[in-house]
Structure formats: structure tokens, C-alpha cells
Amino acid sequence: MKKNNKITIGKTRSALYKSAKILGDFNAVKRGTIGRRLTYRLTGKISARILSKLIRTISKIFKLN
């Protein structure tokens, strides 16, 4: 199989988001607020996982009935 090495919108968008994340980290270190940034990032990941599980559970309930 051939690999698709084309530059797509999704790949470009992903690269831009990753670079913005790194630049935000540098900026937080510069301002001395890296602890706050890490806390926000962790709470965001945890809340997203909880919300995802909740939505999956609700959708399963409604599909069964």
C-alpha cells in the first residue's frame, strides 16, 4: 500500500495546534505560571474523559429502550 504523504487541512491544523501548545508552554514558563497551566490542562483532560463516559452511558441507555 502507498502512504499518503499529501499535506491535508487536517495535518496542517494538527501541526498548528501542537505548535500553539508548545508556544503557550514557553510563555507560561516565561511568566512563571506553568503550575497554573498544568493544572488547567489536567483538569480539562479529566473532565473531558468523565463527560465522554457519561455521554456514552446515556447513549447506550437510550439505544436499549
PDB file of N, CA and C in Angstrom:
ATOM      1  N   MET A   1       0.823  -1.184   0.000  1.00  0.00           N
ATOM      2  CA  MET A   1       0.000   0.000   0.000  1.00  0.00           C
ATOM      3  C   MET A   1       0.866   1.246   0.000  1.00  0.00           C
ATOM      4  N   LYS A   2       0.376   2.264  -0.658  1.00  0.00           N
ATOM      5  CA  LYS A   2       1.088   3.532  -0.683  1.00  0.00           C
ATOM      6  C   LYS A   2       0.693   4.377   0.512  1.00  0.00           C
ATOM      7  N   LYS A   3       1.661   5.088   1.025  1.00  0.00           N
ATOM      8  CA  LYS A   3       1.375   6.045   2.080  1.00  0.00           C
ATOM      9  C   LYS A   3       0.953   7.353   1.443  1.00  0.00           C
ATOM     10  N   ASN A   4      -0.031   7.991   2.051  1.00  0.00           N
ATOM     11  CA  ASN A   4      -0.498   9.271   1.538  1.00  0.00           C
ATOM     12  C   ASN A   4       0.311  10.387   2.192  1.00  0.00           C
ATOM     13  N   ASN A   5       1.269  10.940   1.463  1.00  0.00           N
ATOM     14  CA  ASN A   5       2.151  11.969   2.001  1.00  0.00           C
ATOM     15  C   ASN A   5       1.701  13.376   1.654  1.00  0.00           C
ATOM     16  N   LYS A   6       0.461  13.523   1.211  1.00  0.00           N
ATOM     17  CA  LYS A   6      -0.040  14.836   0.857  1.00  0.00           C
ATOM     18  C   LYS A   6      -0.248  15.682   2.096  1.00  0.00           C
ATOM     19  N   ILE A   7      -0.107  16.964   1.922  1.00  0.00           N
ATOM     20  CA  ILE A   7      -0.398  17.890   3.012  1.00  0.00           C
ATOM     21  C   ILE A   7      -1.894  18.176   2.968  1.00  0.00           C
ATOM     22  N   THR A   8      -2.564  17.782   4.043  1.00  0.00           N
ATOM     23  CA  THR A   8      -4.004  17.987   4.095  1.00  0.00           C
ATOM     24  C   THR A   8      -4.336  19.079   5.111  1.00  0.00           C
ATOM     25  N   ILE A   9      -5.576  19.499   5.086  1.00  0.00           N
ATOM     26  CA  ILE A   9      -6.024  20.506   6.044  1.00  0.00           C
ATOM     27  C   ILE A   9      -5.905  19.964   7.464  1.00  0.00           C
ATOM     28  N   GLY A  10      -6.252  18.706   7.664  1.00  0.00           N
ATOM     29  CA  GLY A  10      -6.182  18.102   8.990  1.00  0.00           C
ATOM     30  C   GLY A  10      -4.767  18.054   9.538  1.00  0.00           C
ATOM     31  N   LYS A  11      -3.812  17.699   8.687  1.00  0.00           N
ATOM     32  CA  LYS A  11      -2.413  17.651   9.116  1.00  0.00           C
ATOM     33  C   LYS A  11      -1.895  19.048   9.443  1.00  0.00           C
ATOM     34  N   THR A  12      -2.271  20.020   8.627  1.00  0.00           N
ATOM     35  CA  THR A  12      -1.857  21.397   8.857  1.00  0.00           C
ATOM     36  C   THR A  12      -2.447  21.914  10.159  1.00  0.00           C
ATOM     37  N   ARG A  13      -3.717  21.648  10.366  1.00  0.00           N
ATOM     38  CA  ARG A  13      -4.400  22.096  11.577  1.00  0.00           C
ATOM     39  C   ARG A  13      -3.765  21.470  12.816  1.00  0.00           C
ATOM     40  N   SER A  14      -3.470  20.182  12.736  1.00  0.00           N
ATOM     41  CA  SER A  14      -2.851  19.480  13.845  1.00  0.00           C
ATOM     42  C   SER A  14      -1.483  20.072  14.179  1.00  0.00           C
ATOM     43  N   ALA A  15      -0.697  20.364  13.161  1.00  0.00           N
ATOM     44  CA  ALA A  15       0.624  20.949  13.382  1.00  0.00           C
ATOM     45  C   ALA A  15       0.511  22.334  14.012  1.00  0.00           C
ATOM     46  N   LEU A  16      -0.468  23.114  13.582  1.00  0.00           N
ATOM     47  CA  LEU A  16      -0.652  24.452  14.145  1.00  0.00           C
ATOM     48  C   LEU A  16      -1.057  24.383  15.615  1.00  0.00           C
ATOM     49  N   TYR A  17      -1.960  23.452  15.948  1.00  0.00           N
ATOM     50  CA  TYR A  17      -2.380  23.312  17.341  1.00  0.00           C
ATOM     51  C   TYR A  17      -1.222  22.853  18.228  1.00  0.00           C
ATOM     52  N   LYS A  18      -0.400  21.930  17.724  1.00  0.00           N
ATOM     53  CA  LYS A  18       0.747  21.466  18.500  1.00  0.00           C
ATOM     54  C   LYS A  18       1.747  22.593  18.733  1.00  0.00           C
ATOM     55  N   SER A  19       1.996  23.388  17.689  1.00  0.00           N
ATOM     56  CA  SER A  19       2.942  24.493  17.852  1.00  0.00           C
ATOM     57  C   SER A  19       2.379  25.545  18.804  1.00  0.00           C
ATOM     58  N   ALA A  20       1.074  25.788  18.777  1.00  0.00           N
ATOM     59  CA  ALA A  20       0.459  26.744  19.699  1.00  0.00           C
ATOM     60  C   ALA A  20       0.560  26.254  21.140  1.00  0.00           C
ATOM     61  N   LYS A  21       0.422  24.952  21.319  1.00  0.00           N
ATOM     62  CA  LYS A  21       0.542  24.371  22.657  1.00  0.00           C
ATOM     63  C   LYS A  21       1.960  24.559  23.197  1.00  0.00           C
ATOM     64  N   ILE A  22       2.955  24.328  22.372  1.00  0.00           N
ATOM     65  CA  ILE A  22       4.357  24.490  22.783  1.00  0.00           C
ATOM     66  C   ILE A  22       4.659  25.961  23.074  1.00  0.00           C
ATOM     67  N   LEU A  23       4.167  26.854  22.213  1.00  0.00           N
ATOM     68  CA  LEU A  23       4.396  28.284  22.441  1.00  0.00           C
ATOM     69  C   LEU A  23       3.713  28.753  23.724  1.00  0.00           C
ATOM     70  N   GLY A  24       2.552  28.209  24.018  1.00  0.00           N
ATOM     71  CA  GLY A  24       1.866  28.537  25.259  1.00  0.00           C
ATOM     72  C   GLY A  24       2.651  28.072  26.471  1.00  0.00           C
ATOM     73  N   ASP A  25       3.267  26.894  26.354  1.00  0.00           N
ATOM     74  CA  ASP A  25       4.111  26.398  27.447  1.00  0.00           C
ATOM     75  C   ASP A  25       5.302  27.327  27.681  1.00  0.00           C
ATOM     76  N   PHE A  26       5.956  27.749  26.612  1.00  0.00           N
ATOM     77  CA  PHE A  26       7.098  28.664  26.740  1.00  0.00           C
ATOM     78  C   PHE A  26       6.659  29.980  27.382  1.00  0.00           C
ATOM     79  N   ASN A  27       5.518  30.467  26.958  1.00  0.00           N
ATOM     80  CA  ASN A  27       5.013  31.722  27.501  1.00  0.00           C
ATOM     81  C   ASN A  27       4.684  31.583  28.988  1.00  0.00           C
ATOM     82  N   ALA A  28       4.129  30.450  29.393  1.00  0.00           N
ATOM     83  CA  ALA A  28       3.802  30.221  30.799  1.00  0.00           C
ATOM     84  C   ALA A  28       5.075  30.139  31.645  1.00  0.00           C
ATOM     85  N   VAL A  29       6.107  29.512  31.116  1.00  0.00           N
ATOM     86  CA  VAL A  29       7.382  29.444  31.838  1.00  0.00           C
ATOM     87  C   VAL A  29       7.955  30.858  31.995  1.00  0.00           C
ATOM     88  N   LYS A  30       7.867  31.628  30.931  1.00  0.00           N
ATOM     89  CA  LYS A  30       8.391  32.993  30.953  1.00  0.00           C
ATOM     90  C   LYS A  30       7.663  33.850  31.998  1.00  0.00           C
ATOM     91  N   ARG A  31       6.353  33.681  32.101  1.00  0.00           N
ATOM     92  CA  ARG A  31       5.564  34.471  33.050  1.00  0.00           C
ATOM     93  C   ARG A  31       5.559  33.878  34.453  1.00  0.00           C
ATOM     94  N   GLY A  32       6.027  32.636  34.575  1.00  0.00           N
ATOM     95  CA  GLY A  32       6.050  31.982  35.880  1.00  0.00           C
ATOM     96  C   GLY A  32       4.719  31.368  36.280  1.00  0.00           C
ATOM     97  N   THR A  33       3.876  31.039  35.290  1.00  0.00           N
ATOM     98  CA  THR A  33       2.552  30.484  35.593  1.00  0.00           C
ATOM     99  C   THR A  33       2.412  29.058  35.062  1.00  0.00           C
ATOM    100  N   ILE A  34       3.516  28.328  35.009  1.00  0.00           N
ATOM    101  CA  ILE A  34       3.480  26.981  34.454  1.00  0.00           C
ATOM    102  C   ILE A  34       2.641  26.037  35.315  1.00  0.00           C
ATOM    103  N   GLY A  35       2.669  26.237  36.636  1.00  0.00           N
ATOM    104  CA  GLY A  35       1.864  25.392  37.522  1.00  0.00           C
ATOM    105  C   GLY A  35       0.386  25.534  37.243  1.00  0.00           C
ATOM    106  N   ARG A  36      -0.052  26.762  37.049  1.00  0.00           N
ATOM    107  CA  ARG A  36      -1.460  27.008  36.744  1.00  0.00           C
ATOM    108  C   ARG A  36      -1.835  26.379  35.402  1.00  0.00           C
ATOM    109  N   ARG A  37      -0.939  26.515  34.426  1.00  0.00           N
ATOM    110  CA  ARG A  37      -1.211  25.957  33.093  1.00  0.00           C
ATOM    111  C   ARG A  37      -1.341  24.435  33.150  1.00  0.00           C
ATOM    112  N   LEU A  38      -0.441  23.788  33.883  1.00  0.00           N
ATOM    113  CA  LEU A  38      -0.509  22.328  34.009  1.00  0.00           C
ATOM    114  C   LEU A  38      -1.780  21.894  34.734  1.00  0.00           C
ATOM    115  N   THR A  39      -2.172  22.652  35.756  1.00  0.00           N
ATOM    116  CA  THR A  39      -3.404  22.340  36.481  1.00  0.00           C
ATOM    117  C   THR A  39      -4.609  22.441  35.564  1.00  0.00           C
ATOM    118  N   TYR A  40      -4.670  23.518  34.780  1.00  0.00           N
ATOM    119  CA  TYR A  40      -5.793  23.678  33.847  1.00  0.00           C
ATOM    120  C   TYR A  40      -5.812  22.564  32.811  1.00  0.00           C
ATOM    121  N   ARG A  41      -4.636  22.181  32.332  1.00  0.00           N
ATOM    122  CA  ARG A  41      -4.568  21.139  31.309  1.00  0.00           C
ATOM    123  C   ARG A  41      -5.040  19.801  31.862  1.00  0.00           C
ATOM    124  N   LEU A  42      -4.602  19.460  33.085  1.00  0.00           N
ATOM    125  CA  LEU A  42      -5.012  18.197  33.702  1.00  0.00           C
ATOM    126  C   LEU A  42      -6.502  18.169  34.016  1.00  0.00           C
ATOM    127  N   THR A  43      -7.022  19.260  34.564  1.00  0.00           N
ATOM    128  CA  THR A  43      -8.461  19.276  34.872  1.00  0.00           C
ATOM    129  C   THR A  43      -9.291  19.206  33.601  1.00  0.00           C
ATOM    130  N   GLY A  44      -8.808  19.794  32.524  1.00  0.00           N
ATOM    131  CA  GLY A  44      -9.517  19.713  31.243  1.00  0.00           C
ATOM    132  C   GLY A  44      -9.561  18.291  30.714  1.00  0.00           C
ATOM    133  N   LYS A  45      -8.440  17.581  30.809  1.00  0.00           N
ATOM    134  CA  LYS A  45      -8.402  16.190  30.336  1.00  0.00           C
ATOM    135  C   LYS A  45      -9.311  15.303  31.169  1.00  0.00           C
ATOM    136  N   ILE A  46      -9.271  15.486  32.490  1.00  0.00           N
ATOM    137  CA  ILE A  46     -10.094  14.658  33.378  1.00  0.00           C
ATOM    138  C   ILE A  46     -11.573  14.916  33.134  1.00  0.00           C
ATOM    139  N   SER A  47     -11.961  16.180  33.037  1.00  0.00           N
ATOM    140  CA  SER A  47     -13.376  16.493  32.831  1.00  0.00           C
ATOM    141  C   SER A  47     -13.853  16.002  31.464  1.00  0.00           C
ATOM    142  N   ALA A  48     -13.002  16.053  30.454  1.00  0.00           N
ATOM    143  CA  ALA A  48     -13.379  15.560  29.130  1.00  0.00           C
ATOM    144  C   ALA A  48     -13.607  14.054  29.159  1.00  0.00           C
ATOM    145  N   ARG A  49     -12.777  13.326  29.892  1.00  0.00           N
ATOM    146  CA  ARG A  49     -12.955  11.875  29.992  1.00  0.00           C
ATOM    147  C   ARG A  49     -14.239  11.525  30.727  1.00  0.00           C
ATOM    148  N   ILE A  50     -14.507  12.235  31.818  1.00  0.00           N
ATOM    149  CA  ILE A  50     -15.737  11.975  32.579  1.00  0.00           C
ATOM    150  C   ILE A  50     -16.962  12.281  31.717  1.00  0.00           C
ATOM    151  N   LEU A  51     -16.944  13.403  31.033  1.00  0.00           N
ATOM    152  CA  LEU A  51     -18.072  13.781  30.184  1.00  0.00           C
ATOM    153  C   LEU A  51     -18.262  12.776  29.049  1.00  0.00           C
ATOM    154  N   SER A  52     -17.180  12.292  28.480  1.00  0.00           N
ATOM    155  CA  SER A  52     -17.253  11.306  27.403  1.00  0.00           C
ATOM    156  C   SER A  52     -17.895  10.013  27.890  1.00  0.00           C
ATOM    157  N   LYS A  53     -17.491   9.540  29.065  1.00  0.00           N
ATOM    158  CA  LYS A  53     -18.073   8.319  29.625  1.00  0.00           C
ATOM    159  C   LYS A  53     -19.551   8.509  29.926  1.00  0.00           C
ATOM    160  N   LEU A  54     -19.910   9.679  30.438  1.00  0.00           N
ATOM    161  CA  LEU A  54     -21.301   9.976  30.750  1.00  0.00           C
ATOM    162  C   LEU A  54     -22.157   9.972  29.488  1.00  0.00           C
ATOM    163  N   ILE A  55     -21.670  10.584  28.449  1.00  0.00           N
ATOM    164  CA  ILE A  55     -22.412  10.637  27.188  1.00  0.00           C
ATOM    165  C   ILE A  55     -22.549   9.243  26.584  1.00  0.00           C
ATOM    166  N   ARG A  56     -21.488   8.434  26.641  1.00  0.00           N
ATOM    167  CA  ARG A  56     -21.572   7.060  26.140  1.00  0.00           C
ATOM    168  C   ARG A  56     -22.606   6.258  26.901  1.00  0.00           C
ATOM    169  N   THR A  57     -22.631   6.408  28.227  1.00  0.00           N
ATOM    170  CA  THR A  57     -23.587   5.682  29.056  1.00  0.00           C
ATOM    171  C   THR A  57     -25.016   6.104  28.723  1.00  0.00           C
ATOM    172  N   ILE A  58     -25.238   7.392  28.600  1.00  0.00           N
ATOM    173  CA  ILE A  58     -26.574   7.884  28.267  1.00  0.00           C
ATOM    174  C   ILE A  58     -27.018   7.397  26.898  1.00  0.00           C
ATOM    175  N   SER A  59     -26.115   7.407  25.928  1.00  0.00           N
ATOM    176  CA  SER A  59     -26.492   6.957  24.584  1.00  0.00           C
ATOM    177  C   SER A  59     -26.805   5.467  24.562  1.00  0.00           C
ATOM    178  N   LYS A  60     -26.094   4.677  25.378  1.00  0.00           N
ATOM    179  CA  LYS A  60     -26.395   3.250  25.456  1.00  0.00           C
ATOM    180  C   LYS A  60     -27.772   3.007  26.070  1.00  0.00           C
ATOM    181  N   ILE A  61     -28.127   3.792  27.078  1.00  0.00           N
ATOM    182  CA  ILE A  61     -29.428   3.655  27.719  1.00  0.00           C
ATOM    183  C   ILE A  61     -30.547   3.918  26.723  1.00  0.00           C
ATOM    184  N   PHE A  62     -30.426   4.969  25.955  1.00  0.00           N
ATOM    185  CA  PHE A  62     -31.487   5.327  25.022  1.00  0.00           C
ATOM    186  C   PHE A  62     -31.541   4.398  23.809  1.00  0.00           C
ATOM    187  N   LYS A  63     -30.431   3.769  23.456  1.00  0.00           N
ATOM    188  CA  LYS A  63     -30.449   2.814  22.351  1.00  0.00           C
ATOM    189  C   LYS A  63     -31.127   1.508  22.749  1.00  0.00           C
ATOM    190  N   LEU A  64     -31.054   1.126  24.036  1.00  0.00           N
ATOM    191  CA  LEU A  64     -31.637  -0.109  24.501  1.00  0.00           C
ATOM    192  C   LEU A  64     -33.153  -0.009  24.627  1.00  0.00           C
ATOM    193  N   ASN A  65     -33.672   1.145  24.972  1.00  0.00           N
ATOM    194  CA  ASN A  65     -35.116   1.291  25.193  1.00  0.00           C
ATOM    195  C   ASN A  65     -35.854   1.768  23.996  1.00  0.00           C
TER     196      ASN A  65
END
